[in-house]
Protein backbone atom coordinates (compact mmCIF):
# COMPACT_ATOMS: atom_id res chain seq x y z
CA MET A 1 35.47 -56.62 -22.06
CA SER A 2 32.11 -53.62 -21.02
CA ALA A 3 29.72 -53.38 -23.80
CA PRO A 4 30.35 -50.81 -26.03
CA VAL A 5 28.19 -48.00 -26.73
CA GLU A 6 26.41 -47.00 -29.40
CA GLU A 7 26.30 -43.66 -31.25
CA THR A 8 22.82 -42.03 -30.95
CA VAL A 9 24.18 -38.21 -33.35
CA SER A 10 25.53 -38.47 -36.48
CA ALA A 11 28.84 -36.96 -37.71
CA GLU A 12 27.86 -34.49 -39.24
CA ASP A 13 24.86 -33.42 -36.78
CA PHE A 14 28.21 -33.51 -34.08
CA ALA A 15 29.92 -31.46 -36.28
CA GLN A 16 27.88 -28.62 -36.18
CA ILE A 17 27.81 -29.32 -32.40
CA ARG A 18 30.87 -28.67 -31.99
CA ALA A 19 31.15 -25.69 -34.28
CA GLN A 20 28.65 -23.65 -32.44
CA VAL A 21 29.94 -24.88 -29.33
CA ARG A 22 33.56 -23.50 -30.30
CA ARG A 23 31.76 -20.02 -31.16
CA PHE A 24 30.14 -19.79 -27.94
CA VAL A 25 33.26 -20.68 -26.00
CA ARG A 26 35.36 -18.39 -27.89
CA GLU A 27 33.30 -15.43 -28.61
CA GLU A 28 31.28 -15.08 -25.45
CA VAL A 29 33.11 -17.07 -22.80
CA VAL A 30 36.08 -15.91 -23.45
CA PRO A 31 35.98 -12.38 -23.24
CA ARG A 32 33.87 -12.56 -20.03
CA GLU A 33 37.30 -14.46 -18.20
CA ARG A 34 38.03 -11.70 -15.80
CA GLU A 35 34.21 -11.19 -15.56
CA ILE A 36 34.11 -14.78 -14.17
CA ALA A 37 36.92 -14.48 -11.68
CA ASP A 38 36.52 -10.78 -10.29
CA THR A 39 32.91 -11.92 -9.32
CA ASP A 40 33.35 -16.03 -8.85
CA ALA A 41 30.78 -16.98 -10.62
CA ILE A 42 29.38 -17.84 -14.01
CA PRO A 43 27.06 -14.55 -15.50
CA GLU A 44 23.66 -15.55 -15.66
CA ASP A 45 23.26 -14.73 -19.21
CA LEU A 46 26.11 -17.32 -19.68
CA ARG A 47 24.01 -19.67 -17.56
CA ARG A 48 21.07 -19.37 -19.68
CA LYS A 49 22.27 -19.85 -23.28
CA ALA A 50 24.29 -22.69 -21.84
CA ALA A 51 20.88 -24.44 -21.48
CA GLU A 52 19.29 -23.52 -24.31
CA MET A 53 22.10 -24.84 -26.04
CA GLY A 54 21.67 -28.21 -24.23
CA LEU A 55 24.98 -28.12 -22.54
CA PHE A 56 23.32 -29.24 -19.47
CA GLY A 57 22.31 -32.11 -20.71
CA TYR A 58 25.03 -33.13 -24.11
CA ALA A 59 25.63 -36.99 -22.88
CA LEU A 60 22.44 -37.59 -21.43
CA PRO A 61 20.17 -40.12 -23.23
CA GLN A 62 18.18 -38.12 -25.98
CA GLU A 63 14.75 -39.91 -24.64
CA TYR A 64 15.33 -37.74 -21.83
CA GLY A 65 16.24 -34.40 -23.53
CA GLY A 66 19.51 -34.58 -23.62
CA LEU A 67 21.79 -34.74 -26.97
CA GLY A 68 22.91 -38.56 -26.42
CA LEU A 69 26.50 -37.91 -27.18
CA VAL A 70 28.68 -40.48 -26.47
CA ILE A 71 32.30 -40.39 -24.80
CA THR A 72 34.09 -40.09 -28.22
CA GLN A 73 32.06 -36.74 -28.86
CA ASP A 74 32.39 -35.91 -25.37
CA VAL A 75 35.64 -35.46 -25.35
CA GLU A 76 35.27 -33.17 -28.50
CA LEU A 77 33.12 -30.90 -26.62
CA ALA A 78 35.64 -31.31 -23.71
CA PHE A 79 38.63 -29.70 -25.81
CA GLU A 80 36.55 -26.38 -26.06
CA PHE A 81 35.66 -26.26 -22.74
CA GLY A 82 38.72 -26.75 -21.73
CA TYR A 83 40.27 -23.29 -23.81
CA THR A 84 37.93 -20.60 -21.19
CA ALA A 85 37.94 -20.61 -17.93
CA LEU A 86 37.36 -23.92 -16.43
CA ALA A 87 34.56 -22.93 -14.24
CA PHE A 88 32.33 -22.74 -17.18
CA ARG A 89 32.29 -26.56 -17.54
CA SER A 90 31.85 -27.06 -13.90
CA LEU A 91 28.60 -25.55 -14.06
CA PHE A 92 26.78 -28.37 -16.39
CA GLY A 93 29.48 -30.80 -16.07
CA THR A 94 28.11 -33.06 -13.47
CA ASN A 95 25.22 -33.18 -15.21
CA ASN A 96 26.67 -35.08 -17.89
CA GLY A 97 29.46 -36.76 -16.19
CA ILE A 98 30.05 -38.41 -13.00
CA ALA A 99 25.98 -37.06 -11.29
CA GLY A 100 24.15 -38.18 -14.69
CA GLN A 101 26.18 -40.75 -16.00
CA VAL A 102 25.16 -42.74 -12.38
CA LEU A 103 21.51 -41.95 -13.45
CA VAL A 104 22.14 -43.34 -16.72
CA GLY A 105 23.80 -46.34 -15.73
CA TYR A 106 22.34 -47.87 -12.75
CA GLY A 107 19.39 -45.86 -12.05
CA THR A 108 15.90 -47.27 -12.17
CA PRO A 109 13.41 -46.53 -14.78
CA GLU A 110 11.52 -43.91 -12.16
CA GLN A 111 14.75 -42.47 -11.17
CA LYS A 112 15.69 -41.64 -14.45
CA LYS A 113 12.30 -40.43 -15.38
CA GLN A 114 12.26 -38.31 -12.72
CA TRP A 115 15.71 -36.53 -12.92
CA LEU A 116 17.32 -37.06 -15.89
CA GLU A 117 14.78 -34.67 -17.57
CA PRO A 118 15.12 -31.96 -15.47
CA MET A 119 18.54 -32.16 -15.24
CA ALA A 120 19.17 -32.12 -19.38
CA GLU A 121 16.80 -28.69 -19.80
CA GLY A 122 19.06 -27.23 -16.82
CA ARG A 123 16.53 -26.99 -14.36
CA CYS A 124 17.88 -29.19 -11.82
CA LEU A 125 21.77 -29.36 -11.14
CA ALA A 126 23.16 -32.32 -9.49
CA SER A 127 26.55 -32.40 -7.65
CA PHE A 128 28.59 -35.99 -6.63
CA ALA A 129 28.92 -36.45 -3.12
CA LEU A 130 31.77 -38.70 -2.55
CA THR A 131 34.64 -36.87 -1.42
CA GLU A 132 35.13 -36.70 2.37
CA PRO A 133 38.19 -35.52 4.73
CA GLU A 134 39.22 -39.22 4.84
CA ALA A 135 38.32 -40.62 1.00
CA GLY A 136 39.71 -38.94 -2.00
CA SER A 137 40.83 -40.33 -4.48
CA ASP A 138 40.02 -43.76 -2.87
CA PRO A 139 36.30 -44.59 -1.54
CA SER A 140 36.99 -46.92 0.93
CA GLY A 141 37.64 -44.96 3.53
CA MET A 142 34.24 -43.32 3.32
CA ARG A 143 32.67 -43.06 6.85
CA THR A 144 29.76 -41.39 5.69
CA THR A 145 27.07 -44.11 6.82
CA ALA A 146 23.39 -44.72 5.41
CA THR A 147 21.40 -47.23 8.42
CA TRP A 148 18.73 -49.07 6.87
CA THR A 149 15.32 -48.27 8.90
CA GLY A 150 12.92 -50.69 8.15
CA ASP A 151 11.02 -48.51 5.56
CA GLY A 152 14.07 -46.17 4.06
CA TRP A 153 17.34 -44.87 5.21
CA SER A 154 18.80 -42.24 7.60
CA ILE A 155 22.50 -40.98 5.88
CA SER A 156 24.71 -39.16 8.17
CA GLY A 157 27.99 -37.88 7.90
CA GLY A 158 30.20 -35.59 5.64
CA LYS A 159 31.58 -34.88 2.56
CA ARG A 160 34.20 -32.32 1.04
CA PHE A 161 35.13 -29.98 -2.08
CA ILE A 162 31.49 -30.72 -3.60
CA THR A 163 31.21 -28.92 -6.83
CA ASN A 164 28.13 -26.81 -7.42
CA ALA A 165 26.76 -27.85 -3.74
CA PRO A 166 25.81 -24.43 -2.93
CA LEU A 167 23.76 -24.43 -6.07
CA ALA A 168 22.70 -28.43 -6.63
CA ASP A 169 19.05 -29.05 -6.58
CA LEU A 170 19.86 -32.59 -6.12
CA PHE A 171 22.97 -35.00 -4.52
CA VAL A 172 23.55 -38.16 -5.99
CA THR A 173 25.47 -39.18 -2.41
CA PHE A 174 27.78 -42.34 -2.01
CA ALA A 175 27.31 -44.01 2.06
CA ARG A 176 28.40 -47.00 3.59
CA VAL A 177 25.48 -49.13 4.43
CA LYS A 178 24.62 -50.10 7.75
CA ASN A 179 22.12 -52.41 9.69
CA HIS A 180 21.34 -54.35 6.61
CA GLU A 181 22.31 -57.68 4.97
CA ALA A 182 24.44 -55.85 3.07
CA GLU A 183 26.36 -54.43 5.67
CA GLY A 184 29.86 -52.44 4.79
CA LYS A 185 29.12 -51.88 1.26
CA ILE A 186 29.07 -48.42 -0.68
CA ALA A 187 25.77 -47.36 -2.15
CA VAL A 188 24.44 -44.30 -3.70
CA PHE A 189 20.96 -42.44 -3.08
CA LEU A 190 19.52 -39.64 -3.99
CA VAL A 191 18.99 -36.90 -1.94
CA PRO A 192 16.82 -33.91 -2.97
CA ALA A 193 18.20 -30.50 -1.95
CA GLY A 194 16.43 -28.92 0.85
CA THR A 195 15.45 -32.44 2.57
CA ARG A 196 15.83 -32.12 6.54
CA GLY A 197 18.87 -33.10 8.05
CA LEU A 198 21.05 -32.01 4.98
CA THR A 199 23.33 -27.96 4.95
CA VAL A 200 25.61 -26.78 2.91
CA GLY A 201 29.06 -25.41 4.52
CA PRO A 202 30.17 -21.63 2.90
CA LYS A 203 31.64 -21.27 -0.13
CA ASP A 204 35.26 -22.66 -0.89
CA ARG A 205 37.84 -19.98 -1.22
CA LYS A 206 40.30 -21.91 -3.86
CA MET A 207 43.84 -21.40 -5.90
CA GLY A 208 42.20 -20.61 -9.03
CA GLN A 209 38.78 -21.81 -10.73
CA GLU A 210 37.29 -18.81 -9.73
CA GLY A 211 33.26 -19.09 -11.00
CA ALA A 212 33.20 -23.04 -9.97
CA THR A 213 31.39 -23.43 -6.37
CA THR A 214 32.25 -25.79 -4.31
CA ALA A 215 31.53 -26.29 -0.39
CA ASP A 216 31.47 -29.16 1.90
CA VAL A 217 27.85 -31.07 2.26
CA TYR A 218 26.54 -32.35 5.96
CA PHE A 219 24.10 -34.99 6.65
CA ASP A 220 22.73 -35.34 9.79
CA ASP A 221 20.24 -38.18 9.94
CA VAL A 222 18.87 -37.08 6.45
CA ARG A 223 15.69 -39.47 5.73
CA VAL A 224 15.47 -40.70 2.30
CA GLY A 225 12.82 -43.39 0.84
CA ALA A 226 13.44 -46.91 -0.23
CA ASP A 227 13.03 -45.47 -3.58
CA ALA A 228 16.44 -43.13 -3.19
CA LEU A 229 18.54 -46.16 -3.60
CA ILE A 230 20.47 -45.90 -7.12
CA SER A 231 19.51 -49.03 -8.49
CA GLY A 232 17.57 -50.55 -6.21
CA GLU A 233 20.35 -52.05 -5.02
CA VAL A 234 23.04 -51.52 -2.09
CA GLU A 235 25.76 -53.76 -3.91
CA THR A 236 25.49 -51.50 -7.50
CA GLY A 237 27.76 -48.25 -5.18
CA PHE A 238 31.12 -49.14 -5.12
CA ARG A 239 30.74 -50.53 -8.97
CA ALA A 240 29.38 -47.09 -10.00
CA ALA A 241 31.52 -44.78 -8.67
CA MET A 242 34.38 -46.71 -10.50
CA THR A 243 32.96 -46.41 -13.81
CA VAL A 244 31.70 -43.25 -13.77
CA LEU A 245 34.99 -41.97 -12.39
CA ALA A 246 36.75 -43.50 -15.41
CA ARG A 247 34.71 -41.83 -17.93
CA GLY A 248 35.37 -38.89 -16.22
CA ARG A 249 39.15 -39.35 -16.32
CA VAL A 250 38.73 -39.32 -20.22
CA HIS A 251 36.62 -36.42 -19.72
CA ILE A 252 39.26 -34.62 -17.51
CA SER A 253 41.70 -35.48 -20.04
CA ALA A 254 40.38 -34.10 -22.69
CA LEU A 255 39.55 -30.47 -20.78
CA ALA A 256 43.54 -30.40 -20.14
CA THR A 257 44.08 -30.91 -23.73
CA GLY A 258 41.88 -27.48 -24.40
CA LEU A 259 43.47 -25.86 -21.15
CA ALA A 260 47.10 -26.71 -22.89
CA GLU A 261 46.19 -25.50 -26.59
CA ARG A 262 44.69 -21.88 -24.72
CA ALA A 263 48.29 -21.94 -23.01
CA LEU A 264 50.01 -22.50 -26.34
CA ASP A 265 48.15 -20.14 -28.50
CA GLU A 266 48.56 -17.73 -26.05
CA SER A 267 52.10 -18.12 -25.89
CA VAL A 268 52.50 -17.86 -29.55
CA ARG A 269 50.70 -14.59 -29.96
CA TYR A 270 52.31 -13.01 -27.20
CA SER A 271 55.57 -14.01 -28.47
CA ALA A 272 54.58 -12.78 -31.95
CA GLN A 273 53.46 -9.21 -30.58
CA ASN A 274 56.01 -8.75 -27.80
CA LEU A 275 59.51 -7.30 -28.73
CA GLN A 276 62.97 -6.95 -26.83
CA GLY A 277 65.41 -5.17 -28.56
CA GLY A 278 63.23 -4.42 -31.73
CA VAL A 279 62.80 -8.38 -32.44
CA PRO A 280 59.63 -10.59 -31.97
CA THR A 281 61.17 -12.90 -28.40
CA GLY A 282 59.25 -15.66 -30.53
CA ASP A 283 62.12 -15.27 -32.81
CA ARG A 284 64.81 -16.42 -30.48
CA GLN A 285 65.66 -19.98 -29.91
CA LEU A 286 65.22 -20.77 -26.41
CA VAL A 287 61.45 -18.88 -26.69
CA GLN A 288 60.55 -21.08 -29.83
CA ALA A 289 61.98 -24.40 -27.98
CA MET A 290 59.17 -23.60 -25.11
CA LEU A 291 56.70 -23.07 -27.90
CA ALA A 292 57.53 -26.46 -29.67
CA GLU A 293 57.27 -28.18 -26.16
CA GLN A 294 53.94 -26.66 -25.54
CA GLN A 295 52.89 -27.80 -29.35
CA ALA A 296 54.40 -31.55 -29.07
CA LEU A 297 52.34 -31.82 -25.51
CA VAL A 298 49.19 -30.52 -27.57
CA MET A 299 49.56 -32.61 -30.07
CA ALA A 300 50.06 -35.84 -27.63
CA CYS A 301 47.39 -35.01 -25.09
CA ARG A 302 44.79 -34.99 -28.14
CA ALA A 303 45.67 -37.92 -29.55
CA LEU A 304 45.70 -40.03 -26.60
CA THR A 305 42.51 -38.43 -25.30
CA ARG A 306 40.68 -39.47 -28.53
CA ASP A 307 42.55 -43.22 -28.31
CA ALA A 308 41.10 -43.68 -24.56
CA ALA A 309 37.53 -42.55 -25.84
CA ARG A 310 37.81 -44.93 -28.36
CA HIS A 311 38.65 -47.59 -25.75
CA TYR A 312 36.24 -46.77 -23.45
CA LEU A 313 33.30 -46.35 -25.87
CA ASP A 314 33.75 -50.19 -27.46
CA GLY A 315 34.82 -51.41 -23.93
CA SER A 316 38.15 -52.82 -24.63
CA ASP A 317 40.13 -50.65 -21.77
CA ARG A 318 38.18 -48.97 -18.87
CA ARG A 319 41.28 -49.57 -16.70
CA ILE A 320 44.45 -48.21 -18.18
CA ALA A 321 43.79 -45.93 -21.08
CA PRO A 322 41.49 -43.38 -18.90
CA SER A 323 43.67 -43.25 -16.58
CA ALA A 324 46.68 -43.17 -18.63
CA ALA A 325 45.35 -40.30 -20.23
CA LYS A 326 44.21 -38.35 -17.33
CA LEU A 327 47.85 -38.72 -15.82
CA PHE A 328 49.27 -38.00 -18.71
CA CYS A 329 47.03 -35.06 -20.26
CA THR A 330 46.76 -33.43 -16.92
CA GLU A 331 50.86 -33.26 -15.83
CA SER A 332 51.20 -31.52 -19.73
CA ALA A 333 48.85 -29.34 -19.07
CA GLY A 334 50.58 -28.17 -15.87
CA ARG A 335 53.58 -28.05 -18.18
CA ALA A 336 52.45 -25.93 -21.07
CA ALA A 337 50.88 -23.41 -18.53
CA ASP A 338 54.47 -23.43 -16.74
CA LEU A 339 55.56 -22.98 -20.05
CA ALA A 340 53.25 -20.23 -21.21
CA VAL A 341 53.94 -17.82 -17.88
CA GLN A 342 57.65 -18.39 -19.11
CA VAL A 343 57.04 -17.02 -22.42
CA HIS A 344 55.65 -13.92 -20.98
CA GLY A 345 58.15 -13.34 -18.74
CA GLY A 346 57.01 -10.96 -15.72
CA SER A 347 53.53 -10.06 -17.52
CA GLY A 348 52.48 -13.59 -17.38
CA TYR A 349 52.68 -13.56 -13.73
CA MET A 350 50.30 -10.19 -14.12
CA ARG A 351 46.61 -11.19 -12.76
CA GLU A 352 44.96 -9.27 -15.85
CA VAL A 353 47.13 -12.02 -18.29
CA ALA A 354 45.76 -14.60 -19.21
CA VAL A 355 48.16 -17.02 -18.82
CA GLU A 356 47.92 -16.54 -14.88
CA ARG A 357 44.51 -17.43 -14.72
CA VAL A 358 45.30 -21.02 -16.54
CA TYR A 359 48.41 -21.73 -14.61
CA ARG A 360 46.13 -21.63 -11.43
CA ASP A 361 43.23 -23.35 -13.13
CA ALA A 362 45.77 -26.45 -14.52
CA ARG A 363 46.72 -27.27 -11.10
CA LEU A 364 43.47 -28.27 -9.87
CA LEU A 365 43.08 -30.72 -13.13
CA ARG A 366 46.11 -33.12 -11.29
CA LEU A 367 43.74 -33.59 -8.05
CA TYR A 368 40.32 -34.15 -8.52
CA GLU A 369 38.69 -37.31 -10.24
CA GLY A 370 41.81 -38.95 -9.10
CA THR A 371 45.39 -37.56 -8.44
CA SER A 372 48.04 -38.42 -10.65
CA GLU A 373 49.21 -40.82 -7.62
CA ILE A 374 46.17 -42.64 -7.67
CA GLN A 375 46.48 -43.16 -11.72
CA LYS A 376 50.06 -44.50 -11.37
CA LEU A 377 48.54 -46.84 -8.80
CA ILE A 378 45.62 -48.02 -10.96
CA ILE A 379 47.83 -48.65 -13.83
CA GLY A 380 50.60 -50.50 -12.30
CA ARG A 381 48.42 -52.56 -10.62
CA GLU A 382 46.12 -53.50 -13.73
CA LEU A 383 49.20 -54.08 -15.96
CA MET A 384 50.22 -56.65 -13.00
CA ARG A 385 46.96 -58.09 -12.65
CA ARG A 386 46.82 -58.46 -17.18
CA GLU A 387 50.13 -60.29 -16.73
CA ARG A 388 48.79 -62.98 -14.07
CA ALA A 389 45.86 -63.74 -15.76
CA ALA A 390 47.63 -64.26 -19.28
CA GLY A 391 50.43 -66.67 -17.30
CA ALA A 392 47.88 -68.68 -15.51
């Protein structure tokens, strides 16, 4: 069993934080979803307000300026973030999640002091540079290398689909070690933007999640010092990747739940107002059946996500529970979004209608932080491992 994590924010204080986030998302972000989609960017005033609310560091320790929320509280906020354009959450998601948690869990005191405070304040935007053309959900195929030079490291290779890459101030970069006693192992390095040899490719054009900026990142003999190695130990890298990805899967489950809830709310609202033959379509039994399925999916996703978060927090299950939640909730969000379009009929296919965006946004959830297929492999392998261990 992994070590449990203690809460630092009381239930009363957290209730106020969640209420504030809920108001902000629904009253200020939701009305500007079309603007975000049309400009493919998060408006600067929304970014500034998010920073003022502490959203760039809500899951970072209080000693470094964050709010110090634990995963069970994180998912409650993610339910709210998922209710609007997912690009909004992407702006600060890596600071709190996969990039920030590497530093929180594995950084040296000096590394934490240098980077966590500006990240929490929104002055530093971090990117998580793991995915490559031949290493996506499974990092074992990684080709990017970090060669020990005697007094530092030379990093060469390329990364793909890196969130916030064109905006990033820091790249938390994974690479396979060469010319070192830990030859072939995966290590993690802190590479500041602007370091010589580091370049960012053109902004990706995606099916959905407009406003979430991703791009390729290239490393051509990028030189960093020995102090750029996370934790100061090569062996930490792969363990860090697997740990933060598991936590991230619980977070993505909550986002998917929020998105499914939005699909449900839009469906109920539309079917109550839309008339066919003078009768609201929501009075038709076949439409009610679709609404009922969406409702059941939302309730199941919320319960499963909260359960997975509790298991992660107390350390009792950081393997099966995160993957099961991510698998079920992201697939369910896709189903809820599809049903929402069906409830809307032809209107649901129109670009100006919210469920059209929800449908496209939902599709990516089944791919990043480990595809649905990878989650099945993780669950299946862990079940067999546990069975063998019980019979030993």
